[in-house]
Amino acid sequence: MATPNFDLNDIKRRMQGALNSLKHDLGSLRTGRATPSLLDPIQVDAYGAAMSMAQVATISVPEPRLLSVSVWDRGMVTAVEKAIRESDLGLNPMTEGQTIRLRIPEMNEQRRKEMVKVAHKYAEEARVAVRHVRRDGLDLLKKLEKDGAISQDDEKRQADQVQKATDQHIAEVDQTLAAKEKEIMQV
């Protein structure tokens, strides 16, 4: 059995993956401004399968508080409209032929605070994911040192590099969260 090699770049890539996942999750949070990513979590029951909104329609932003959903198949308009209504986004679709218009209402203070709590939950999940990657890397280093593949000094030096990468990615998570929180609370 070949001994696994320690690769700091792989660890950084996996930590970056957690950060990218956070950015995607935060992008789907409502901030009072219209963005196409707002409809990303919605699944449409289309052709006997659950499909994402992007697979059945084109989403555009003609105005800052308006989303326009152009459904490709006329028969899918009611399914898309139903999926939007049943989502927890609080949007009321207005249908005009194959186009569905969604007015983004002003968010009240209570709703903004709820969105901030959800953003904090997403950020904590990202921090935990980064820490799991750190733990995996440190466990591998300890195993390599125990097996005699690397010296104790190398293990210590590389463990410090893993910790620096962890600290850097946790700081990026915090910066991303702070920016999103500011965007949500902006009236």
N, C-alpha and C. Protein backbone atom coordinates (compact mmCIF):
# COMPACT_ATOMS: atom_id res chain seq x y z
N MET A 1 0.85 -1.19 0.00
CA MET A 1 0.00 0.00 0.00
C MET A 1 0.89 1.24 0.00
N ALA A 2 0.62 2.15 -0.90
CA ALA A 2 1.40 3.37 -0.98
C ALA A 2 0.96 4.34 0.12
N THR A 3 1.92 5.02 0.73
CA THR A 3 1.57 5.99 1.75
C THR A 3 1.07 7.26 1.07
N PRO A 4 0.01 7.86 1.62
CA PRO A 4 -0.51 9.08 1.01
C PRO A 4 0.48 10.23 1.20
N ASN A 5 0.55 11.09 0.22
CA ASN A 5 1.43 12.25 0.29
C ASN A 5 0.67 13.45 0.82
N PHE A 6 1.39 14.31 1.53
CA PHE A 6 0.80 15.55 2.03
C PHE A 6 0.90 16.60 0.92
N ASP A 7 -0.23 17.23 0.60
CA ASP A 7 -0.26 18.25 -0.45
C ASP A 7 -0.98 19.48 0.08
N LEU A 8 -0.22 20.52 0.40
CA LEU A 8 -0.81 21.74 0.94
C LEU A 8 -1.74 22.40 -0.06
N ASN A 9 -1.40 22.33 -1.34
CA ASN A 9 -2.26 22.93 -2.37
C ASN A 9 -3.62 22.26 -2.41
N ASP A 10 -3.67 20.94 -2.21
CA ASP A 10 -4.94 20.23 -2.18
C ASP A 10 -5.77 20.69 -0.99
N ILE A 11 -5.13 20.88 0.13
CA ILE A 11 -5.84 21.35 1.33
C ILE A 11 -6.40 22.75 1.09
N LYS A 12 -5.59 23.63 0.50
CA LYS A 12 -6.06 24.98 0.19
C LYS A 12 -7.22 24.95 -0.80
N ARG A 13 -7.15 24.04 -1.79
CA ARG A 13 -8.22 23.92 -2.79
C ARG A 13 -9.52 23.49 -2.12
N ARG A 14 -9.42 22.53 -1.19
CA ARG A 14 -10.63 22.06 -0.49
C ARG A 14 -11.21 23.16 0.40
N MET A 15 -10.34 23.96 1.03
CA MET A 15 -10.81 25.07 1.86
C MET A 15 -11.48 26.13 0.98
N GLN A 16 -10.90 26.36 -0.20
CA GLN A 16 -11.49 27.32 -1.14
C GLN A 16 -12.85 26.84 -1.60
N GLY A 17 -13.02 25.53 -1.73
CA GLY A 17 -14.31 24.95 -2.10
C GLY A 17 -15.38 25.28 -1.07
N ALA A 18 -15.02 25.24 0.21
CA ALA A 18 -15.97 25.60 1.27
C ALA A 18 -16.35 27.07 1.16
N LEU A 19 -15.38 27.92 0.83
CA LEU A 19 -15.63 29.34 0.68
C LEU A 19 -16.53 29.60 -0.54
N ASN A 20 -16.27 28.90 -1.65
CA ASN A 20 -17.10 29.05 -2.85
C ASN A 20 -18.53 28.61 -2.58
N SER A 21 -18.69 27.54 -1.82
CA SER A 21 -20.02 27.06 -1.46
C SER A 21 -20.77 28.12 -0.63
N LEU A 22 -20.05 28.75 0.29
CA LEU A 22 -20.64 29.83 1.10
C LEU A 22 -21.11 30.97 0.20
N LYS A 23 -20.26 31.38 -0.74
CA LYS A 23 -20.62 32.49 -1.63
C LYS A 23 -21.87 32.15 -2.46
N HIS A 24 -21.96 30.90 -2.90
CA HIS A 24 -23.14 30.46 -3.66
C HIS A 24 -24.39 30.52 -2.77
N ASP A 25 -24.27 30.01 -1.54
CA ASP A 25 -25.41 30.01 -0.62
C ASP A 25 -25.84 31.44 -0.28
N LEU A 26 -24.88 32.31 -0.04
CA LEU A 26 -25.22 33.70 0.29
C LEU A 26 -25.82 34.42 -0.92
N GLY A 27 -25.43 34.03 -2.12
CA GLY A 27 -25.97 34.65 -3.32
C GLY A 27 -27.45 34.40 -3.49
N SER A 28 -27.94 33.31 -2.92
CA SER A 28 -29.37 33.00 -3.05
C SER A 28 -30.21 33.64 -1.95
N LEU A 29 -29.58 34.36 -1.02
CA LEU A 29 -30.34 35.04 0.03
C LEU A 29 -30.91 36.35 -0.51
N ARG A 30 -32.14 36.62 -0.12
CA ARG A 30 -32.80 37.84 -0.58
C ARG A 30 -32.27 39.05 0.17
N THR A 31 -31.93 40.09 -0.55
CA THR A 31 -31.40 41.29 0.09
C THR A 31 -32.27 42.52 -0.18
N GLY A 32 -33.37 42.34 -0.89
CA GLY A 32 -34.19 43.48 -1.26
C GLY A 32 -33.87 43.97 -2.65
N ARG A 33 -32.79 43.45 -3.24
CA ARG A 33 -32.40 43.77 -4.60
C ARG A 33 -32.63 42.55 -5.46
N ALA A 34 -33.02 42.74 -6.69
CA ALA A 34 -33.29 41.62 -7.58
C ALA A 34 -31.98 41.06 -8.14
N THR A 35 -31.78 39.76 -8.00
CA THR A 35 -30.65 39.07 -8.61
C THR A 35 -31.15 37.72 -9.13
N PRO A 36 -30.67 37.29 -10.29
CA PRO A 36 -31.12 36.00 -10.82
C PRO A 36 -30.83 34.83 -9.89
N SER A 37 -29.76 34.92 -9.09
CA SER A 37 -29.40 33.82 -8.18
C SER A 37 -30.44 33.64 -7.07
N LEU A 38 -31.32 34.61 -6.91
CA LEU A 38 -32.39 34.51 -5.92
C LEU A 38 -33.28 33.30 -6.18
N LEU A 39 -33.43 32.93 -7.45
CA LEU A 39 -34.31 31.81 -7.82
C LEU A 39 -33.56 30.48 -7.92
N ASP A 40 -32.25 30.46 -7.65
CA ASP A 40 -31.46 29.23 -7.74
C ASP A 40 -32.00 28.06 -6.91
N PRO A 41 -32.43 28.31 -5.67
CA PRO A 41 -32.87 27.15 -4.87
C PRO A 41 -34.22 26.55 -5.30
N ILE A 42 -34.95 27.25 -6.15
CA ILE A 42 -36.29 26.77 -6.55
C ILE A 42 -36.17 25.63 -7.55
N GLN A 43 -36.88 24.54 -7.25
CA GLN A 43 -36.95 23.37 -8.14
C GLN A 43 -38.33 23.34 -8.78
N VAL A 44 -38.38 23.17 -10.11
CA VAL A 44 -39.63 23.12 -10.86
C VAL A 44 -39.92 21.67 -11.23
N ASP A 45 -41.17 21.25 -11.03
CA ASP A 45 -41.56 19.89 -11.41
C ASP A 45 -41.82 19.91 -12.93
N ALA A 46 -40.82 19.51 -13.70
CA ALA A 46 -40.90 19.60 -15.16
C ALA A 46 -40.62 18.25 -15.79
N TYR A 47 -41.49 17.84 -16.66
CA TYR A 47 -41.32 16.60 -17.42
C TYR A 47 -41.06 15.40 -16.50
N GLY A 48 -41.73 15.38 -15.36
CA GLY A 48 -41.62 14.26 -14.44
C GLY A 48 -40.36 14.26 -13.57
N ALA A 49 -39.61 15.36 -13.58
CA ALA A 49 -38.39 15.44 -12.77
C ALA A 49 -38.28 16.84 -12.17
N ALA A 50 -37.54 16.95 -11.08
CA ALA A 50 -37.30 18.26 -10.47
C ALA A 50 -36.12 18.91 -11.19
N MET A 51 -36.36 20.09 -11.73
CA MET A 51 -35.30 20.81 -12.47
C MET A 51 -35.12 22.19 -11.86
N SER A 52 -33.91 22.70 -12.00
CA SER A 52 -33.67 24.06 -11.50
C SER A 52 -34.34 25.06 -12.44
N MET A 53 -34.57 26.24 -11.91
CA MET A 53 -35.23 27.30 -12.68
C MET A 53 -34.44 27.62 -13.95
N ALA A 54 -33.11 27.59 -13.88
CA ALA A 54 -32.27 27.92 -15.02
C ALA A 54 -32.40 26.89 -16.15
N GLN A 55 -32.91 25.69 -15.85
CA GLN A 55 -33.06 24.66 -16.88
C GLN A 55 -34.37 24.77 -17.65
N VAL A 56 -35.30 25.60 -17.17
CA VAL A 56 -36.59 25.73 -17.85
C VAL A 56 -36.91 27.15 -18.28
N ALA A 57 -36.09 28.12 -17.87
CA ALA A 57 -36.40 29.52 -18.18
C ALA A 57 -35.14 30.38 -18.16
N THR A 58 -35.29 31.57 -18.75
CA THR A 58 -34.23 32.57 -18.70
C THR A 58 -34.64 33.62 -17.68
N ILE A 59 -33.72 33.95 -16.78
CA ILE A 59 -34.02 34.91 -15.72
C ILE A 59 -33.22 36.18 -15.99
N SER A 60 -33.92 37.31 -16.02
CA SER A 60 -33.24 38.59 -16.24
C SER A 60 -33.70 39.61 -15.20
N VAL A 61 -32.96 40.71 -15.10
CA VAL A 61 -33.26 41.77 -14.14
C VAL A 61 -33.45 43.09 -14.91
N PRO A 62 -34.69 43.36 -15.37
CA PRO A 62 -34.92 44.60 -16.12
C PRO A 62 -34.86 45.86 -15.26
N GLU A 63 -35.20 45.74 -13.97
CA GLU A 63 -35.16 46.86 -13.03
C GLU A 63 -34.57 46.36 -11.71
N PRO A 64 -34.08 47.28 -10.85
CA PRO A 64 -33.46 46.84 -9.59
C PRO A 64 -34.38 46.02 -8.68
N ARG A 65 -35.68 46.21 -8.75
CA ARG A 65 -36.61 45.48 -7.89
C ARG A 65 -37.56 44.58 -8.69
N LEU A 66 -37.12 44.13 -9.86
CA LEU A 66 -37.98 43.30 -10.70
C LEU A 66 -37.18 42.19 -11.35
N LEU A 67 -37.71 40.96 -11.26
CA LEU A 67 -37.13 39.82 -11.97
C LEU A 67 -38.09 39.44 -13.08
N SER A 68 -37.55 39.09 -14.23
CA SER A 68 -38.35 38.64 -15.35
C SER A 68 -37.93 37.21 -15.68
N VAL A 69 -38.89 36.27 -15.63
CA VAL A 69 -38.62 34.87 -15.91
C VAL A 69 -39.30 34.52 -17.23
N SER A 70 -38.52 34.26 -18.28
CA SER A 70 -39.07 33.88 -19.59
C SER A 70 -39.01 32.37 -19.71
N VAL A 71 -40.17 31.73 -19.60
CA VAL A 71 -40.25 30.27 -19.64
C VAL A 71 -40.16 29.84 -21.10
N TRP A 72 -39.32 28.82 -21.38
CA TRP A 72 -39.09 28.40 -22.76
C TRP A 72 -40.27 27.63 -23.33
N ASP A 73 -40.89 26.76 -22.52
CA ASP A 73 -41.99 25.93 -22.99
C ASP A 73 -43.30 26.48 -22.41
N ARG A 74 -44.24 26.84 -23.29
CA ARG A 74 -45.51 27.44 -22.86
C ARG A 74 -46.23 26.54 -21.84
N GLY A 75 -46.10 25.23 -21.98
CA GLY A 75 -46.76 24.30 -21.08
C GLY A 75 -46.17 24.28 -19.67
N MET A 76 -45.00 24.86 -19.52
CA MET A 76 -44.32 24.85 -18.22
C MET A 76 -44.61 26.11 -17.38
N VAL A 77 -45.31 27.08 -17.94
CA VAL A 77 -45.54 28.35 -17.25
C VAL A 77 -46.23 28.13 -15.90
N THR A 78 -47.28 27.31 -15.87
CA THR A 78 -48.01 27.11 -14.61
C THR A 78 -47.14 26.38 -13.59
N ALA A 79 -46.30 25.43 -14.03
CA ALA A 79 -45.42 24.70 -13.11
C ALA A 79 -44.38 25.65 -12.50
N VAL A 80 -43.83 26.55 -13.32
CA VAL A 80 -42.84 27.52 -12.83
C VAL A 80 -43.52 28.48 -11.84
N GLU A 81 -44.70 28.96 -12.21
CA GLU A 81 -45.44 29.87 -11.34
C GLU A 81 -45.75 29.20 -10.00
N LYS A 82 -46.16 27.94 -10.03
CA LYS A 82 -46.46 27.19 -8.81
C LYS A 82 -45.21 27.02 -7.94
N ALA A 83 -44.08 26.71 -8.57
CA ALA A 83 -42.83 26.52 -7.83
C ALA A 83 -42.41 27.82 -7.14
N ILE A 84 -42.60 28.95 -7.81
CA ILE A 84 -42.24 30.24 -7.22
C ILE A 84 -43.15 30.55 -6.04
N ARG A 85 -44.45 30.30 -6.21
CA ARG A 85 -45.41 30.55 -5.12
C ARG A 85 -45.11 29.69 -3.90
N GLU A 86 -44.74 28.42 -4.13
CA GLU A 86 -44.53 27.49 -3.02
C GLU A 86 -43.16 27.65 -2.36
N SER A 87 -42.27 28.41 -3.00
CA SER A 87 -40.96 28.65 -2.37
C SER A 87 -41.16 29.56 -1.17
N ASP A 88 -40.19 29.59 -0.27
CA ASP A 88 -40.32 30.44 0.92
C ASP A 88 -39.74 31.84 0.70
N LEU A 89 -39.70 32.27 -0.55
CA LEU A 89 -39.12 33.57 -0.86
C LEU A 89 -40.11 34.72 -0.68
N GLY A 90 -41.38 34.40 -0.58
CA GLY A 90 -42.39 35.44 -0.39
C GLY A 90 -42.60 36.29 -1.63
N LEU A 91 -42.48 35.69 -2.81
CA LEU A 91 -42.66 36.42 -4.05
C LEU A 91 -44.02 36.08 -4.66
N ASN A 92 -44.66 37.07 -5.29
CA ASN A 92 -45.96 36.87 -5.92
C ASN A 92 -45.81 37.02 -7.44
N PRO A 93 -45.82 35.90 -8.18
CA PRO A 93 -45.61 35.97 -9.62
C PRO A 93 -46.81 36.56 -10.37
N MET A 94 -46.52 37.38 -11.39
CA MET A 94 -47.55 37.91 -12.28
C MET A 94 -47.22 37.41 -13.68
N THR A 95 -48.12 36.63 -14.26
CA THR A 95 -47.87 35.98 -15.55
C THR A 95 -48.43 36.80 -16.70
N GLU A 96 -47.61 36.95 -17.73
CA GLU A 96 -48.02 37.62 -18.98
C GLU A 96 -47.54 36.74 -20.12
N GLY A 97 -48.36 35.81 -20.57
CA GLY A 97 -47.97 34.89 -21.63
C GLY A 97 -46.93 33.91 -21.11
N GLN A 98 -45.73 33.91 -21.73
CA GLN A 98 -44.66 33.02 -21.29
C GLN A 98 -43.68 33.73 -20.36
N THR A 99 -43.98 34.97 -19.99
CA THR A 99 -43.12 35.74 -19.10
C THR A 99 -43.77 35.89 -17.74
N ILE A 100 -42.99 35.64 -16.71
CA ILE A 100 -43.46 35.81 -15.33
C ILE A 100 -42.65 36.94 -14.72
N ARG A 101 -43.35 37.94 -14.20
CA ARG A 101 -42.68 39.07 -13.56
C ARG A 101 -42.79 38.91 -12.04
N LEU A 102 -41.67 39.19 -11.37
CA LEU A 102 -41.61 39.07 -9.91
C LEU A 102 -41.14 40.38 -9.32
N ARG A 103 -42.03 41.09 -8.63
CA ARG A 103 -41.65 42.31 -7.92
C ARG A 103 -40.98 41.89 -6.62
N ILE A 104 -39.84 42.48 -6.35
CA ILE A 104 -39.13 42.20 -5.10
C ILE A 104 -39.57 43.25 -4.09
N PRO A 105 -40.36 42.85 -3.09
CA PRO A 105 -40.85 43.85 -2.12
C PRO A 105 -39.74 44.31 -1.19
N GLU A 106 -39.94 45.50 -0.60
CA GLU A 106 -39.02 46.00 0.42
C GLU A 106 -39.04 45.03 1.59
N MET A 107 -37.88 44.79 2.16
CA MET A 107 -37.83 43.91 3.32
C MET A 107 -37.96 44.74 4.58
N ASN A 108 -38.77 44.24 5.53
CA ASN A 108 -38.88 44.95 6.80
C ASN A 108 -37.71 44.57 7.70
N GLU A 109 -37.59 45.26 8.82
CA GLU A 109 -36.45 45.07 9.72
C GLU A 109 -36.38 43.65 10.26
N GLN A 110 -37.54 43.09 10.61
CA GLN A 110 -37.57 41.73 11.15
C GLN A 110 -37.08 40.71 10.11
N ARG A 111 -37.53 40.87 8.86
CA ARG A 111 -37.13 39.95 7.80
C ARG A 111 -35.63 40.07 7.52
N ARG A 112 -35.12 41.30 7.58
CA ARG A 112 -33.68 41.51 7.38
C ARG A 112 -32.87 40.77 8.45
N LYS A 113 -33.33 40.86 9.71
CA LYS A 113 -32.63 40.19 10.80
C LYS A 113 -32.68 38.67 10.63
N GLU A 114 -33.81 38.15 10.14
CA GLU A 114 -33.92 36.71 9.87
C GLU A 114 -32.91 36.30 8.79
N MET A 115 -32.78 37.12 7.75
CA MET A 115 -31.83 36.82 6.67
C MET A 115 -30.39 36.85 7.19
N VAL A 116 -30.10 37.77 8.09
CA VAL A 116 -28.75 37.84 8.67
C VAL A 116 -28.47 36.57 9.47
N LYS A 117 -29.47 36.07 10.20
CA LYS A 117 -29.29 34.82 10.97
C LYS A 117 -29.00 33.66 10.03
N VAL A 118 -29.72 33.60 8.91
CA VAL A 118 -29.47 32.54 7.92
C VAL A 118 -28.06 32.67 7.35
N ALA A 119 -27.64 33.90 7.07
CA ALA A 119 -26.28 34.13 6.55
C ALA A 119 -25.24 33.67 7.57
N HIS A 120 -25.48 33.94 8.85
CA HIS A 120 -24.55 33.49 9.90
C HIS A 120 -24.48 31.97 9.95
N LYS A 121 -25.63 31.32 9.76
CA LYS A 121 -25.67 29.85 9.77
C LYS A 121 -24.83 29.31 8.61
N TYR A 122 -24.99 29.89 7.42
CA TYR A 122 -24.19 29.47 6.26
C TYR A 122 -22.70 29.67 6.52
N ALA A 123 -22.35 30.82 7.13
CA ALA A 123 -20.94 31.11 7.40
C ALA A 123 -20.37 30.11 8.41
N GLU A 124 -21.15 29.75 9.42
CA GLU A 124 -20.66 28.78 10.41
C GLU A 124 -20.44 27.42 9.76
N GLU A 125 -21.34 27.04 8.84
CA GLU A 125 -21.16 25.77 8.12
C GLU A 125 -19.86 25.80 7.31
N ALA A 126 -19.55 26.95 6.70
CA ALA A 126 -18.31 27.08 5.93
C ALA A 126 -17.10 27.00 6.85
N ARG A 127 -17.17 27.64 8.03
CA ARG A 127 -16.05 27.57 8.98
C ARG A 127 -15.81 26.13 9.42
N VAL A 128 -16.90 25.41 9.70
CA VAL A 128 -16.78 24.01 10.12
C VAL A 128 -16.15 23.18 9.00
N ALA A 129 -16.56 23.43 7.76
CA ALA A 129 -15.99 22.69 6.62
C ALA A 129 -14.48 22.95 6.51
N VAL A 130 -14.06 24.22 6.68
CA VAL A 130 -12.64 24.56 6.62
C VAL A 130 -11.89 23.85 7.75
N ARG A 131 -12.50 23.81 8.94
CA ARG A 131 -11.83 23.15 10.08
C ARG A 131 -11.72 21.64 9.85
N HIS A 132 -12.72 21.06 9.18
CA HIS A 132 -12.64 19.63 8.87
C HIS A 132 -11.47 19.35 7.93
N VAL A 133 -11.28 20.22 6.95
CA VAL A 133 -10.16 20.06 6.02
C VAL A 133 -8.85 20.18 6.80
N ARG A 134 -8.79 21.14 7.73
CA ARG A 134 -7.58 21.30 8.55
C ARG A 134 -7.31 20.02 9.35
N ARG A 135 -8.35 19.49 9.97
CA ARG A 135 -8.20 18.26 10.77
C ARG A 135 -7.68 17.12 9.90
N ASP A 136 -8.24 16.96 8.70
CA ASP A 136 -7.78 15.90 7.79
C ASP A 136 -6.30 16.07 7.47
N GLY A 137 -5.89 17.31 7.19
CA GLY A 137 -4.48 17.58 6.87
C GLY A 137 -3.56 17.29 8.04
N LEU A 138 -3.96 17.72 9.24
CA LEU A 138 -3.12 17.48 10.43
C LEU A 138 -3.05 15.99 10.77
N ASP A 139 -4.17 15.29 10.60
CA ASP A 139 -4.16 13.84 10.85
C ASP A 139 -3.21 13.13 9.89
N LEU A 140 -3.21 13.54 8.64
CA LEU A 140 -2.31 12.93 7.65
C LEU A 140 -0.85 13.21 8.02
N LEU A 141 -0.56 14.43 8.44
CA LEU A 141 0.82 14.77 8.84
C LEU A 141 1.26 13.93 10.03
N LYS A 142 0.40 13.76 11.01
CA LYS A 142 0.75 12.95 12.18
C LYS A 142 1.00 11.51 11.78
N LYS A 143 0.18 10.99 10.87
CA LYS A 143 0.35 9.61 10.41
C LYS A 143 1.68 9.46 9.66
N LEU A 144 1.99 10.44 8.78
CA LEU A 144 3.25 10.38 8.03
C LEU A 144 4.45 10.44 8.98
N GLU A 145 4.35 11.28 10.03
CA GLU A 145 5.45 11.37 10.99
C GLU A 145 5.59 10.07 11.78
N LYS A 146 4.47 9.51 12.18
CA LYS A 146 4.46 8.25 12.95
C LYS A 146 5.06 7.11 12.13
N ASP A 147 4.75 7.11 10.81
CA ASP A 147 5.27 6.06 9.93
C ASP A 147 6.72 6.30 9.53
N GLY A 148 7.26 7.44 9.89
CA GLY A 148 8.65 7.74 9.59
C GLY A 148 8.86 8.32 8.19
N ALA A 149 7.78 8.71 7.51
CA ALA A 149 7.89 9.26 6.16
C ALA A 149 8.40 10.69 6.18
N ILE A 150 8.10 11.43 7.27
CA ILE A 150 8.62 12.80 7.41
C ILE A 150 9.15 12.96 8.83
N SER A 151 10.03 13.93 9.02
CA SER A 151 10.61 14.16 10.34
C SER A 151 9.64 14.97 11.20
N GLN A 152 9.95 15.02 12.49
CA GLN A 152 9.10 15.77 13.42
C GLN A 152 9.13 17.27 13.09
N ASP A 153 10.30 17.77 12.66
CA ASP A 153 10.41 19.18 12.28
C ASP A 153 9.56 19.49 11.05
N ASP A 154 9.59 18.59 10.05
CA ASP A 154 8.77 18.78 8.85
C ASP A 154 7.29 18.77 9.20
N GLU A 155 6.91 17.86 10.08
CA GLU A 155 5.51 17.76 10.49
C GLU A 155 5.07 19.07 11.14
N LYS A 156 5.91 19.61 12.02
CA LYS A 156 5.59 20.86 12.72
C LYS A 156 5.50 22.02 11.73
N ARG A 157 6.46 22.10 10.82
CA ARG A 157 6.47 23.20 9.84
C ARG A 157 5.24 23.15 8.94
N GLN A 158 4.91 21.95 8.45
CA GLN A 158 3.75 21.81 7.56
C GLN A 158 2.44 22.00 8.32
N ALA A 159 2.40 21.60 9.59
CA ALA A 159 1.20 21.84 10.41
C ALA A 159 0.97 23.34 10.58
N ASP A 160 2.07 24.10 10.73
CA ASP A 160 1.95 25.56 10.82
C ASP A 160 1.40 26.15 9.51
N GLN A 161 1.83 25.60 8.37
CA GLN A 161 1.32 26.06 7.07
C GLN A 161 -0.18 25.77 6.93
N VAL A 162 -0.59 24.59 7.40
CA VAL A 162 -2.01 24.23 7.36
C VAL A 162 -2.81 25.20 8.22
N GLN A 163 -2.28 25.53 9.41
CA GLN A 163 -2.98 26.45 10.30
C GLN A 163 -3.07 27.85 9.69
N LYS A 164 -2.00 28.30 9.02
CA LYS A 164 -2.03 29.61 8.35
C LYS A 164 -3.08 29.64 7.25
N ALA A 165 -3.16 28.56 6.47
CA ALA A 165 -4.18 28.47 5.41
C ALA A 165 -5.58 28.48 6.01
N THR A 166 -5.74 27.77 7.13
CA THR A 166 -7.04 27.74 7.82
C THR A 166 -7.42 29.14 8.29
N ASP A 167 -6.49 29.83 8.95
CA ASP A 167 -6.76 31.18 9.45
C ASP A 167 -7.13 32.12 8.30
N GLN A 168 -6.42 31.99 7.17
CA GLN A 168 -6.69 32.84 6.01
C GLN A 168 -8.10 32.59 5.47
N HIS A 169 -8.49 31.32 5.35
CA HIS A 169 -9.81 31.01 4.80
C HIS A 169 -10.94 31.37 5.77
N ILE A 170 -10.70 31.22 7.08
CA ILE A 170 -11.70 31.63 8.07
C ILE A 170 -11.89 33.15 8.00
N ALA A 171 -10.79 33.88 7.82
CA ALA A 171 -10.88 35.34 7.69
C ALA A 171 -11.67 35.72 6.43
N GLU A 172 -11.46 34.99 5.34
CA GLU A 172 -12.22 35.26 4.11
C GLU A 172 -13.70 34.98 4.32
N VAL A 173 -14.03 33.91 5.06
CA VAL A 173 -15.42 33.60 5.38
C VAL A 173 -16.03 34.77 6.15
N ASP A 174 -15.30 35.27 7.15
CA ASP A 174 -15.80 36.38 7.96
C ASP A 174 -15.99 37.65 7.13
N GLN A 175 -15.06 37.92 6.20
CA GLN A 175 -15.18 39.10 5.34
C GLN A 175 -16.39 38.97 4.42
N THR A 176 -16.59 37.78 3.86
CA THR A 176 -17.73 37.54 2.97
C THR A 176 -19.03 37.72 3.73
N LEU A 177 -19.08 37.19 4.94
CA LEU A 177 -20.28 37.33 5.78
C LEU A 177 -20.54 38.80 6.11
N ALA A 178 -19.51 39.53 6.47
CA ALA A 178 -19.68 40.94 6.83
C ALA A 178 -20.21 41.75 5.65
N ALA A 179 -19.71 41.45 4.45
CA ALA A 179 -20.18 42.16 3.25
C ALA A 179 -21.66 41.83 2.98
N LYS A 180 -22.02 40.56 3.12
CA LYS A 180 -23.41 40.16 2.87
C LYS A 180 -24.33 40.75 3.93
N GLU A 181 -23.88 40.76 5.18
CA GLU A 181 -24.69 41.33 6.26
C GLU A 181 -24.94 42.82 6.01
N LYS A 182 -23.92 43.53 5.56
CA LYS A 182 -24.07 44.95 5.25
C LYS A 182 -25.08 45.14 4.11
N GLU A 183 -24.97 44.28 3.10
CA GLU A 183 -25.89 44.34 1.95
C GLU A 183 -27.32 44.07 2.38
N ILE A 184 -27.53 43.09 3.26
CA ILE A 184 -28.88 42.75 3.72
C ILE A 184 -29.48 43.89 4.55
N MET A 185 -28.69 44.47 5.43
CA MET A 185 -29.21 45.49 6.36
C MET A 185 -29.35 46.86 5.70
N GLN A 186 -28.83 47.01 4.49
CA GLN A 186 -28.91 48.29 3.79
C GLN A 186 -30.37 48.56 3.37
N VAL A 187 -30.88 49.73 3.73
CA VAL A 187 -32.27 50.06 3.42
C VAL A 187 -32.35 50.80 2.10
